[in-house]
Amino acid sequence: MNRARYLCLCVGLCLPSLAHAHLVSARFGEFYSGLLHPLTSVIHLVPWLALALGNGVQALPQARCMLWLFPLVVGLGVVCGLFIPPGQSLEFGLIATFGVALVAVAGRALPAWVWVMLVSSIGVLHGMANTEPALEGRALVLYAAGVTLASHWVMLSMTAIIYWLCRRWAWCVIGVRALGSWILAIGVLFGGYRLLV
């Protein structure tokens, strides 16, 4: 009986079928595509984390306001991207958004109007960069909903963690500044790499 098992194992190993380590050929639908695209891209995820770091040190009313404003403007940017053709300036704009880490480095609350303008402009820019012009109708709505949910999830989770930590231990603001400086360094390195390639 054991010999038959070993024989089947050897035959199976000698006649492999096509296999993939990851589900690269499978599509899970437009909603999940929109959800995962910004979460798996450094150029989107890292500036969003920087915004959330900065939002965690803002005053509570404007921090709460950003939790719904940021996803709203990202969704608006996805729709605007359908009418505005992407160009090289969009990529440079995305790289420039790493500069929002300066807000997190400062570790101080900004005037409400400055913070709203900063978050809105970055949200629209990143929404435009996440646009899929080939989609239309229901597929486009699902994709835009996925991108919007991803932006809300990043902003909500990181803001809540940073806000709670900074209110509980004052020295956490130093950690926010350190993380912000690292994000800024990543942006400089990434931008230099993109300019050279």
N, C-alpha and C. Protein backbone atom coordinates (compact mmCIF):
# COMPACT_ATOMS: atom_id res chain seq x y z
N MET A 1 0.83 -1.19 0.00
CA MET A 1 0.00 0.00 0.00
C MET A 1 0.87 1.26 0.00
N ASN A 2 1.94 1.25 0.81
CA ASN A 2 2.83 2.41 0.87
C ASN A 2 3.54 2.62 -0.45
N ARG A 3 3.88 1.51 -1.14
CA ARG A 3 4.56 1.63 -2.43
C ARG A 3 3.64 2.30 -3.46
N ALA A 4 2.37 1.98 -3.40
CA ALA A 4 1.42 2.59 -4.34
C ALA A 4 1.33 4.09 -4.10
N ARG A 5 1.38 4.52 -2.86
CA ARG A 5 1.34 5.95 -2.54
C ARG A 5 2.59 6.65 -3.06
N TYR A 6 3.75 6.04 -2.84
CA TYR A 6 5.01 6.64 -3.31
C TYR A 6 5.04 6.69 -4.83
N LEU A 7 4.49 5.67 -5.49
CA LEU A 7 4.44 5.65 -6.94
C LEU A 7 3.55 6.78 -7.46
N CYS A 8 2.38 6.97 -6.81
CA CYS A 8 1.48 8.07 -7.21
C CYS A 8 2.14 9.42 -6.98
N LEU A 9 2.87 9.57 -5.88
CA LEU A 9 3.56 10.81 -5.59
C LEU A 9 4.62 11.10 -6.64
N CYS A 10 5.40 10.09 -7.01
CA CYS A 10 6.45 10.26 -8.02
C CYS A 10 5.85 10.62 -9.38
N VAL A 11 4.76 9.96 -9.74
CA VAL A 11 4.11 10.27 -11.02
C VAL A 11 3.57 11.70 -10.99
N GLY A 12 2.98 12.10 -9.87
CA GLY A 12 2.46 13.46 -9.75
C GLY A 12 3.55 14.51 -9.84
N LEU A 13 4.72 14.23 -9.26
CA LEU A 13 5.83 15.18 -9.31
C LEU A 13 6.46 15.25 -10.69
N CYS A 14 6.40 14.16 -11.44
CA CYS A 14 6.98 14.13 -12.77
C CYS A 14 6.07 14.74 -13.83
N LEU A 15 4.80 14.87 -13.55
CA LEU A 15 3.84 15.42 -14.50
C LEU A 15 3.13 16.63 -13.91
N PRO A 16 3.86 17.72 -13.68
CA PRO A 16 3.21 18.89 -13.06
C PRO A 16 2.29 19.59 -14.04
N SER A 17 1.27 20.18 -13.50
CA SER A 17 0.38 21.01 -14.32
C SER A 17 0.76 22.48 -14.10
N LEU A 18 0.17 23.36 -14.88
CA LEU A 18 0.46 24.78 -14.76
C LEU A 18 -0.04 25.30 -13.42
N ALA A 19 0.83 25.97 -12.68
CA ALA A 19 0.45 26.49 -11.37
C ALA A 19 0.97 27.91 -11.23
N HIS A 20 0.27 28.69 -10.43
CA HIS A 20 0.68 30.07 -10.14
C HIS A 20 0.83 30.23 -8.64
N ALA A 21 1.90 30.90 -8.24
CA ALA A 21 2.09 31.15 -6.82
C ALA A 21 1.08 32.16 -6.30
N HIS A 22 0.70 33.10 -7.16
CA HIS A 22 -0.28 34.12 -6.80
C HIS A 22 -1.41 34.07 -7.81
N LEU A 23 -2.52 34.65 -7.47
CA LEU A 23 -3.67 34.64 -8.37
C LEU A 23 -3.55 35.76 -9.38
N VAL A 24 -2.47 35.69 -10.19
CA VAL A 24 -2.22 36.78 -11.14
C VAL A 24 -3.18 36.76 -12.30
N SER A 25 -3.72 35.60 -12.62
CA SER A 25 -4.60 35.52 -13.79
C SER A 25 -6.07 35.61 -13.41
N ALA A 26 -6.35 35.71 -12.13
CA ALA A 26 -7.75 35.77 -11.69
C ALA A 26 -8.16 37.21 -11.42
N ARG A 27 -9.39 37.55 -11.75
CA ARG A 27 -9.93 38.87 -11.45
C ARG A 27 -11.05 38.71 -10.44
N PHE A 28 -11.02 39.54 -9.44
CA PHE A 28 -12.02 39.45 -8.38
C PHE A 28 -13.15 40.45 -8.57
N GLY A 29 -13.09 41.22 -9.63
CA GLY A 29 -14.12 42.21 -9.88
C GLY A 29 -13.59 43.61 -9.73
N GLU A 30 -14.35 44.56 -10.23
CA GLU A 30 -13.89 45.95 -10.28
C GLU A 30 -13.82 46.59 -8.89
N PHE A 31 -14.72 46.20 -7.98
CA PHE A 31 -14.68 46.77 -6.64
C PHE A 31 -13.36 46.43 -5.95
N TYR A 32 -12.97 45.17 -6.00
CA TYR A 32 -11.73 44.75 -5.35
C TYR A 32 -10.50 45.28 -6.08
N SER A 33 -10.63 45.44 -7.39
CA SER A 33 -9.54 46.04 -8.15
C SER A 33 -9.31 47.49 -7.70
N GLY A 34 -10.40 48.23 -7.53
CA GLY A 34 -10.29 49.60 -7.04
C GLY A 34 -9.81 49.67 -5.61
N LEU A 35 -10.20 48.69 -4.80
CA LEU A 35 -9.80 48.66 -3.39
C LEU A 35 -8.31 48.37 -3.25
N LEU A 36 -7.80 47.45 -4.05
CA LEU A 36 -6.41 47.01 -3.90
C LEU A 36 -5.41 47.88 -4.64
N HIS A 37 -5.83 48.56 -5.70
CA HIS A 37 -4.86 49.33 -6.48
C HIS A 37 -4.10 50.37 -5.65
N PRO A 38 -4.78 51.24 -4.92
CA PRO A 38 -4.02 52.22 -4.13
C PRO A 38 -3.31 51.61 -2.93
N LEU A 39 -3.82 50.49 -2.41
CA LEU A 39 -3.19 49.88 -1.24
C LEU A 39 -1.95 49.09 -1.57
N THR A 40 -1.73 48.81 -2.85
CA THR A 40 -0.54 48.04 -3.25
C THR A 40 0.44 48.89 -4.04
N SER A 41 0.26 50.19 -4.03
CA SER A 41 1.13 51.10 -4.77
C SER A 41 1.77 52.09 -3.80
N VAL A 42 3.10 52.12 -3.81
CA VAL A 42 3.84 53.01 -2.90
C VAL A 42 3.47 54.47 -3.15
N ILE A 43 3.29 54.83 -4.40
CA ILE A 43 3.05 56.23 -4.74
C ILE A 43 1.70 56.73 -4.22
N HIS A 44 0.78 55.82 -3.91
CA HIS A 44 -0.50 56.21 -3.34
C HIS A 44 -0.54 55.98 -1.83
N LEU A 45 -0.12 54.82 -1.40
CA LEU A 45 -0.27 54.44 0.01
C LEU A 45 0.56 55.31 0.95
N VAL A 46 1.81 55.57 0.59
CA VAL A 46 2.69 56.31 1.51
C VAL A 46 2.22 57.74 1.74
N PRO A 47 1.86 58.51 0.69
CA PRO A 47 1.31 59.85 0.98
C PRO A 47 0.00 59.81 1.77
N TRP A 48 -0.84 58.77 1.54
CA TRP A 48 -2.07 58.66 2.33
C TRP A 48 -1.74 58.43 3.79
N LEU A 49 -0.72 57.62 4.05
CA LEU A 49 -0.30 57.41 5.44
C LEU A 49 0.23 58.71 6.05
N ALA A 50 0.95 59.49 5.24
CA ALA A 50 1.45 60.78 5.72
C ALA A 50 0.30 61.72 6.06
N LEU A 51 -0.74 61.74 5.21
CA LEU A 51 -1.91 62.56 5.52
C LEU A 51 -2.57 62.12 6.82
N ALA A 52 -2.67 60.81 7.01
CA ALA A 52 -3.29 60.30 8.23
C ALA A 52 -2.44 60.64 9.45
N LEU A 53 -1.12 60.60 9.31
CA LEU A 53 -0.24 61.01 10.41
C LEU A 53 -0.51 62.47 10.77
N GLY A 54 -0.57 63.32 9.74
CA GLY A 54 -0.85 64.73 9.98
C GLY A 54 -2.23 64.94 10.56
N ASN A 55 -3.19 64.14 10.12
CA ASN A 55 -4.56 64.28 10.62
C ASN A 55 -4.66 63.88 12.08
N GLY A 56 -3.82 62.96 12.51
CA GLY A 56 -3.85 62.51 13.90
C GLY A 56 -3.41 63.56 14.90
N VAL A 57 -2.68 64.58 14.43
CA VAL A 57 -2.23 65.63 15.35
C VAL A 57 -3.04 66.92 15.20
N GLN A 58 -4.07 66.89 14.35
CA GLN A 58 -4.93 68.07 14.18
C GLN A 58 -5.94 68.13 15.33
N ALA A 59 -6.63 69.27 15.41
CA ALA A 59 -7.70 69.41 16.40
C ALA A 59 -8.81 68.41 16.06
N LEU A 60 -9.51 67.95 17.08
CA LEU A 60 -10.50 66.89 16.90
C LEU A 60 -11.58 67.21 15.87
N PRO A 61 -12.17 68.43 15.84
CA PRO A 61 -13.22 68.69 14.84
C PRO A 61 -12.71 68.56 13.40
N GLN A 62 -11.53 69.12 13.11
CA GLN A 62 -11.05 69.01 11.73
C GLN A 62 -10.51 67.62 11.41
N ALA A 63 -10.03 66.89 12.41
CA ALA A 63 -9.62 65.51 12.18
C ALA A 63 -10.83 64.66 11.81
N ARG A 64 -11.95 64.88 12.51
CA ARG A 64 -13.19 64.15 12.18
C ARG A 64 -13.70 64.53 10.80
N CYS A 65 -13.60 65.80 10.45
CA CYS A 65 -14.06 66.27 9.15
C CYS A 65 -13.30 65.58 8.02
N MET A 66 -11.99 65.37 8.21
CA MET A 66 -11.17 64.76 7.17
C MET A 66 -11.52 63.30 6.93
N LEU A 67 -12.12 62.64 7.92
CA LEU A 67 -12.46 61.23 7.78
C LEU A 67 -13.50 61.00 6.69
N TRP A 68 -14.37 61.99 6.45
CA TRP A 68 -15.33 61.85 5.36
C TRP A 68 -14.94 62.71 4.16
N LEU A 69 -14.20 63.82 4.37
CA LEU A 69 -13.83 64.69 3.26
C LEU A 69 -12.81 64.02 2.34
N PHE A 70 -11.81 63.36 2.90
CA PHE A 70 -10.76 62.76 2.07
C PHE A 70 -11.33 61.69 1.12
N PRO A 71 -12.12 60.72 1.60
CA PRO A 71 -12.69 59.75 0.65
C PRO A 71 -13.59 60.42 -0.40
N LEU A 72 -14.31 61.46 0.01
CA LEU A 72 -15.20 62.16 -0.92
C LEU A 72 -14.41 62.79 -2.07
N VAL A 73 -13.31 63.47 -1.74
CA VAL A 73 -12.53 64.13 -2.80
C VAL A 73 -11.75 63.11 -3.63
N VAL A 74 -11.37 61.97 -3.03
CA VAL A 74 -10.73 60.92 -3.83
C VAL A 74 -11.73 60.38 -4.85
N GLY A 75 -12.96 60.11 -4.41
CA GLY A 75 -13.99 59.66 -5.34
C GLY A 75 -14.27 60.69 -6.42
N LEU A 76 -14.29 61.97 -6.05
CA LEU A 76 -14.47 63.04 -7.02
C LEU A 76 -13.33 63.05 -8.02
N GLY A 77 -12.11 62.82 -7.54
CA GLY A 77 -10.95 62.77 -8.43
C GLY A 77 -11.02 61.62 -9.42
N VAL A 78 -11.54 60.48 -8.98
CA VAL A 78 -11.72 59.34 -9.90
C VAL A 78 -12.65 59.73 -11.04
N VAL A 79 -13.73 60.43 -10.72
CA VAL A 79 -14.69 60.85 -11.75
C VAL A 79 -14.06 61.93 -12.64
N CYS A 80 -13.34 62.89 -12.05
CA CYS A 80 -12.69 63.95 -12.84
C CYS A 80 -11.64 63.38 -13.80
N GLY A 81 -10.98 62.31 -13.37
CA GLY A 81 -9.96 61.69 -14.21
C GLY A 81 -10.50 61.13 -15.51
N LEU A 82 -11.81 60.89 -15.58
CA LEU A 82 -12.41 60.41 -16.83
C LEU A 82 -12.42 61.49 -17.90
N PHE A 83 -12.45 62.75 -17.49
CA PHE A 83 -12.56 63.85 -18.43
C PHE A 83 -11.23 64.57 -18.67
N ILE A 84 -10.26 64.34 -17.81
CA ILE A 84 -8.96 64.99 -17.94
C ILE A 84 -7.93 63.91 -18.28
N PRO A 85 -7.31 63.98 -19.45
CA PRO A 85 -6.35 62.93 -19.80
C PRO A 85 -5.12 62.98 -18.89
N PRO A 86 -4.64 61.81 -18.44
CA PRO A 86 -3.45 61.80 -17.58
C PRO A 86 -2.22 62.23 -18.35
N GLY A 87 -1.34 62.92 -17.69
CA GLY A 87 -0.10 63.37 -18.32
C GLY A 87 1.08 63.19 -17.39
N GLN A 88 2.23 63.60 -17.87
CA GLN A 88 3.45 63.48 -17.07
C GLN A 88 3.37 64.35 -15.82
N SER A 89 2.66 65.46 -15.92
CA SER A 89 2.55 66.36 -14.76
C SER A 89 1.82 65.68 -13.61
N LEU A 90 0.92 64.74 -13.92
CA LEU A 90 0.19 64.04 -12.87
C LEU A 90 1.14 63.19 -12.03
N GLU A 91 2.09 62.51 -12.69
CA GLU A 91 3.04 61.70 -11.94
C GLU A 91 3.94 62.57 -11.08
N PHE A 92 4.40 63.70 -11.60
CA PHE A 92 5.20 64.61 -10.79
C PHE A 92 4.40 65.16 -9.62
N GLY A 93 3.11 65.41 -9.85
CA GLY A 93 2.24 65.86 -8.77
C GLY A 93 2.11 64.81 -7.69
N LEU A 94 1.99 63.54 -8.10
CA LEU A 94 1.90 62.46 -7.11
C LEU A 94 3.17 62.35 -6.29
N ILE A 95 4.31 62.48 -6.96
CA ILE A 95 5.58 62.43 -6.23
C ILE A 95 5.68 63.60 -5.27
N ALA A 96 5.19 64.76 -5.70
CA ALA A 96 5.24 65.94 -4.83
C ALA A 96 4.38 65.78 -3.59
N THR A 97 3.36 64.90 -3.65
CA THR A 97 2.51 64.74 -2.48
C THR A 97 3.23 64.06 -1.32
N PHE A 98 4.40 63.51 -1.56
CA PHE A 98 5.19 63.01 -0.44
C PHE A 98 5.57 64.16 0.49
N GLY A 99 5.52 65.37 -0.03
CA GLY A 99 5.83 66.54 0.78
C GLY A 99 4.84 66.80 1.89
N VAL A 100 3.66 66.16 1.83
CA VAL A 100 2.72 66.34 2.93
C VAL A 100 3.29 65.76 4.22
N ALA A 101 4.33 64.96 4.09
CA ALA A 101 4.98 64.45 5.29
C ALA A 101 5.53 65.58 6.15
N LEU A 102 5.78 66.74 5.54
CA LEU A 102 6.26 67.89 6.32
C LEU A 102 5.25 68.28 7.40
N VAL A 103 3.96 68.09 7.08
CA VAL A 103 2.93 68.39 8.07
C VAL A 103 3.05 67.44 9.25
N ALA A 104 3.28 66.16 8.95
CA ALA A 104 3.44 65.17 10.02
C ALA A 104 4.73 65.41 10.78
N VAL A 105 5.78 65.84 10.07
CA VAL A 105 7.06 66.11 10.74
C VAL A 105 6.88 67.24 11.74
N ALA A 106 6.12 68.26 11.35
CA ALA A 106 5.92 69.39 12.26
C ALA A 106 5.20 68.95 13.53
N GLY A 107 4.29 68.00 13.41
CA GLY A 107 3.58 67.50 14.58
C GLY A 107 2.71 68.53 15.26
N ARG A 108 2.27 69.53 14.50
CA ARG A 108 1.43 70.60 15.06
C ARG A 108 0.16 70.75 14.24
N ALA A 109 -0.88 71.22 14.89
CA ALA A 109 -2.15 71.45 14.20
C ALA A 109 -2.03 72.67 13.29
N LEU A 110 -2.62 72.58 12.11
CA LEU A 110 -2.65 73.69 11.16
C LEU A 110 -3.99 74.40 11.24
N PRO A 111 -4.07 75.62 10.72
CA PRO A 111 -5.39 76.26 10.61
C PRO A 111 -6.31 75.38 9.77
N ALA A 112 -7.58 75.37 10.13
CA ALA A 112 -8.53 74.45 9.49
C ALA A 112 -8.58 74.62 7.99
N TRP A 113 -8.60 75.85 7.48
CA TRP A 113 -8.72 76.06 6.04
C TRP A 113 -7.50 75.56 5.29
N VAL A 114 -6.31 75.69 5.90
CA VAL A 114 -5.08 75.19 5.26
C VAL A 114 -5.13 73.67 5.15
N TRP A 115 -5.55 73.03 6.23
CA TRP A 115 -5.61 71.57 6.25
C TRP A 115 -6.65 71.05 5.26
N VAL A 116 -7.81 71.72 5.18
CA VAL A 116 -8.86 71.31 4.24
C VAL A 116 -8.36 71.44 2.80
N MET A 117 -7.70 72.54 2.47
CA MET A 117 -7.18 72.74 1.11
C MET A 117 -6.11 71.71 0.77
N LEU A 118 -5.24 71.42 1.72
CA LEU A 118 -4.16 70.45 1.49
C LEU A 118 -4.73 69.06 1.25
N VAL A 119 -5.63 68.62 2.13
CA VAL A 119 -6.22 67.28 2.00
C VAL A 119 -7.05 67.19 0.73
N SER A 120 -7.82 68.23 0.41
CA SER A 120 -8.67 68.19 -0.78
C SER A 120 -7.86 68.10 -2.05
N SER A 121 -6.82 68.92 -2.16
CA SER A 121 -6.02 68.90 -3.39
C SER A 121 -5.31 67.56 -3.57
N ILE A 122 -4.79 67.01 -2.49
CA ILE A 122 -4.10 65.72 -2.59
C ILE A 122 -5.10 64.61 -2.90
N GLY A 123 -6.28 64.66 -2.30
CA GLY A 123 -7.29 63.65 -2.56
C GLY A 123 -7.74 63.64 -4.01
N VAL A 124 -8.00 64.82 -4.59
CA VAL A 124 -8.42 64.89 -5.99
C VAL A 124 -7.32 64.39 -6.91
N LEU A 125 -6.08 64.77 -6.62
CA LEU A 125 -4.94 64.36 -7.44
C LEU A 125 -4.78 62.84 -7.44
N HIS A 126 -4.87 62.24 -6.27
CA HIS A 126 -4.73 60.79 -6.18
C HIS A 126 -5.94 60.07 -6.76
N GLY A 127 -7.11 60.66 -6.65
CA GLY A 127 -8.28 60.08 -7.29
C GLY A 127 -8.13 60.07 -8.81
N MET A 128 -7.63 61.16 -9.37
CA MET A 128 -7.41 61.22 -10.82
C MET A 128 -6.39 60.18 -11.27
N ALA A 129 -5.38 59.96 -10.44
CA ALA A 129 -4.36 58.96 -10.80
C ALA A 129 -4.89 57.54 -10.72
N ASN A 130 -5.96 57.32 -9.97
CA ASN A 130 -6.55 55.99 -9.83
C ASN A 130 -7.67 55.73 -10.82
N THR A 131 -7.90 56.63 -11.75
CA THR A 131 -8.98 56.47 -12.72
C THR A 131 -8.66 55.36 -13.71
N GLU A 132 -9.69 54.60 -14.07
CA GLU A 132 -9.59 53.59 -15.12
C GLU A 132 -10.50 54.01 -16.26
N PRO A 133 -9.96 54.68 -17.31
CA PRO A 133 -10.81 55.20 -18.37
C PRO A 133 -11.54 54.11 -19.17
N ALA A 134 -11.04 52.88 -19.14
CA ALA A 134 -11.66 51.80 -19.91
C ALA A 134 -12.99 51.36 -19.30
N LEU A 135 -13.22 51.71 -18.05
CA LEU A 135 -14.44 51.26 -17.37
C LEU A 135 -15.58 52.23 -17.64
N GLU A 136 -16.78 51.70 -17.59
CA GLU A 136 -17.97 52.55 -17.73
C GLU A 136 -19.14 51.88 -17.04
N GLY A 137 -20.14 52.66 -16.74
CA GLY A 137 -21.36 52.13 -16.13
C GLY A 137 -21.14 51.56 -14.75
N ARG A 138 -21.72 50.38 -14.54
CA ARG A 138 -21.68 49.72 -13.22
C ARG A 138 -20.25 49.39 -12.80
N ALA A 139 -19.41 48.97 -13.75
CA ALA A 139 -18.02 48.63 -13.44
C ALA A 139 -17.27 49.84 -12.90
N LEU A 140 -17.51 51.01 -13.50
CA LEU A 140 -16.85 52.24 -13.05
C LEU A 140 -17.32 52.61 -11.65
N VAL A 141 -18.60 52.47 -11.37
CA VAL A 141 -19.12 52.79 -10.04
C VAL A 141 -18.50 51.87 -8.99
N LEU A 142 -18.40 50.58 -9.30
CA LEU A 142 -17.79 49.63 -8.36
C LEU A 142 -16.32 49.94 -8.14
N TYR A 143 -15.60 50.27 -9.21
CA TYR A 143 -14.18 50.60 -9.10
C TYR A 143 -13.99 51.85 -8.25
N ALA A 144 -14.76 52.90 -8.53
CA ALA A 144 -14.65 54.15 -7.77
C ALA A 144 -15.01 53.92 -6.30
N ALA A 145 -16.00 53.06 -6.03
CA ALA A 145 -16.35 52.74 -4.64
C ALA A 145 -15.21 52.03 -3.94
N GLY A 146 -14.50 51.16 -4.65
CA GLY A 146 -13.35 50.47 -4.05
C GLY A 146 -12.23 51.42 -3.71
N VAL A 147 -11.91 52.34 -4.62
CA VAL A 147 -10.85 53.33 -4.35
C VAL A 147 -11.25 54.22 -3.18
N THR A 148 -12.50 54.64 -3.16
CA THR A 148 -13.00 55.51 -2.09
C THR A 148 -12.94 54.80 -0.74
N LEU A 149 -13.34 53.54 -0.71
CA LEU A 149 -13.29 52.78 0.54
C LEU A 149 -11.85 52.60 1.02
N ALA A 150 -10.93 52.37 0.10
CA ALA A 150 -9.52 52.22 0.48
C ALA A 150 -8.99 53.50 1.12
N SER A 151 -9.35 54.65 0.53
CA SER A 151 -8.88 55.93 1.10
C SER A 151 -9.50 56.17 2.47
N HIS A 152 -10.77 55.81 2.63
CA HIS A 152 -11.42 55.97 3.94
C HIS A 152 -10.78 55.06 4.98
N TRP A 153 -10.52 53.83 4.60
CA TRP A 153 -9.94 52.87 5.54
C TRP A 153 -8.57 53.32 6.02
N VAL A 154 -7.71 53.77 5.09
CA VAL A 154 -6.38 54.24 5.48
C VAL A 154 -6.48 55.45 6.39
N MET A 155 -7.29 56.43 6.01
CA MET A 155 -7.41 57.65 6.80
C MET A 155 -8.01 57.37 8.18
N LEU A 156 -9.05 56.56 8.24
CA LEU A 156 -9.72 56.28 9.51
C LEU A 156 -8.82 55.50 10.46
N SER A 157 -8.23 54.42 9.97
CA SER A 157 -7.44 53.56 10.87
C SER A 157 -6.20 54.27 11.38
N MET A 158 -5.45 54.92 10.50
CA MET A 158 -4.20 55.57 10.94
C MET A 158 -4.49 56.80 11.80
N THR A 159 -5.51 57.57 11.44
CA THR A 159 -5.85 58.75 12.24
C THR A 159 -6.25 58.34 13.65
N ALA A 160 -7.08 57.30 13.76
CA ALA A 160 -7.53 56.86 15.08
C ALA A 160 -6.34 56.39 15.93
N ILE A 161 -5.43 55.64 15.33
CA ILE A 161 -4.27 55.15 16.09
C ILE A 161 -3.39 56.30 16.54
N ILE A 162 -3.06 57.20 15.61
CA ILE A 162 -2.16 58.32 15.94
C ILE A 162 -2.82 59.27 16.94
N TYR A 163 -4.09 59.59 16.75
CA TYR A 163 -4.79 60.49 17.66
C TYR A 163 -4.80 59.91 19.07
N TRP A 164 -5.13 58.62 19.18
CA TRP A 164 -5.18 57.98 20.50
C TRP A 164 -3.80 57.94 21.16
N LEU A 165 -2.78 57.57 20.40
CA LEU A 165 -1.43 57.49 20.97
C LEU A 165 -0.92 58.86 21.41
N CYS A 166 -1.13 59.87 20.57
CA CYS A 166 -0.61 61.21 20.90
C CYS A 166 -1.35 61.84 22.08
N ARG A 167 -2.62 61.49 22.29
CA ARG A 167 -3.35 62.03 23.44
C ARG A 167 -3.00 61.25 24.72
N ARG A 168 -2.59 60.01 24.55
CA ARG A 168 -2.27 59.18 25.72
C ARG A 168 -0.84 59.42 26.22
N TRP A 169 0.11 59.49 25.28
CA TRP A 169 1.51 59.72 25.62
C TRP A 169 2.03 60.88 24.78
N ALA A 170 2.49 61.92 25.43
CA ALA A 170 2.95 63.12 24.72
C ALA A 170 4.17 62.84 23.85
N TRP A 171 5.01 61.89 24.24
CA TRP A 171 6.22 61.61 23.47
C TRP A 171 5.92 60.97 22.12
N CYS A 172 4.68 60.51 21.89
CA CYS A 172 4.33 59.91 20.60
C CYS A 172 4.38 60.93 19.46
N VAL A 173 4.26 62.22 19.80
CA VAL A 173 4.38 63.25 18.77
C VAL A 173 5.77 63.19 18.14
N ILE A 174 6.78 62.87 18.94
CA ILE A 174 8.14 62.72 18.41
C ILE A 174 8.18 61.56 17.42
N GLY A 175 7.47 60.47 17.75
CA GLY A 175 7.39 59.34 16.82
C GLY A 175 6.71 59.71 15.52
N VAL A 176 5.66 60.55 15.61
CA VAL A 176 4.98 61.01 14.40
C VAL A 176 5.93 61.82 13.55
N ARG A 177 6.72 62.69 14.17
CA ARG A 177 7.70 63.48 13.42
C ARG A 177 8.74 62.58 12.76
N ALA A 178 9.18 61.54 13.48
CA ALA A 178 10.16 60.61 12.91
C ALA A 178 9.57 59.87 11.72
N LEU A 179 8.33 59.38 11.86
CA LEU A 179 7.68 58.69 10.73
C LEU A 179 7.50 59.62 9.55
N GLY A 180 7.12 60.85 9.83
CA GLY A 180 6.96 61.83 8.76
C GLY A 180 8.25 62.09 8.02
N SER A 181 9.36 62.18 8.76
CA SER A 181 10.65 62.41 8.11
C SER A 181 11.06 61.20 7.26
N TRP A 182 10.73 60.00 7.72
CA TRP A 182 11.02 58.80 6.91
C TRP A 182 10.20 58.80 5.64
N ILE A 183 8.92 59.19 5.75
CA ILE A 183 8.07 59.24 4.56
C ILE A 183 8.59 60.29 3.58
N LEU A 184 9.05 61.41 4.11
CA LEU A 184 9.63 62.44 3.25
C LEU A 184 10.89 61.91 2.56
N ALA A 185 11.72 61.16 3.29
CA ALA A 185 12.93 60.58 2.68
C ALA A 185 12.55 59.57 1.60
N ILE A 186 11.52 58.75 1.85
CA ILE A 186 11.05 57.80 0.84
C ILE A 186 10.60 58.55 -0.41
N GLY A 187 9.89 59.66 -0.21
CA GLY A 187 9.44 60.46 -1.35
C GLY A 187 10.59 61.03 -2.15
N VAL A 188 11.63 61.51 -1.48
CA VAL A 188 12.80 62.05 -2.19
C VAL A 188 13.49 60.94 -2.99
N LEU A 189 13.66 59.78 -2.37
CA LEU A 189 14.30 58.66 -3.06
C LEU A 189 13.45 58.18 -4.25
N PHE A 190 12.15 58.05 -4.02
CA PHE A 190 11.26 57.58 -5.08
C PHE A 190 11.20 58.59 -6.22
N GLY A 191 11.12 59.88 -5.87
CA GLY A 191 11.09 60.90 -6.91
C GLY A 191 12.38 60.94 -7.71
N GLY A 192 13.53 60.80 -7.04
CA GLY A 192 14.80 60.76 -7.75
C GLY A 192 14.89 59.56 -8.68
N TYR A 193 14.40 58.44 -8.21
CA TYR A 193 14.40 57.22 -9.03
C TYR A 193 13.52 57.41 -10.27
N ARG A 194 12.31 57.98 -10.08
CA ARG A 194 11.41 58.16 -11.22
C ARG A 194 11.96 59.18 -12.22
N LEU A 195 12.70 60.16 -11.74
CA LEU A 195 13.28 61.15 -12.66
C LEU A 195 14.43 60.55 -13.47
N LEU A 196 15.15 59.60 -12.87
CA LEU A 196 16.29 58.99 -13.57
C LEU A 196 15.85 57.91 -14.55
N VAL A 197 14.71 57.27 -14.27
CA VAL A 197 14.28 56.15 -15.13
C VAL A 197 13.54 56.68 -16.36
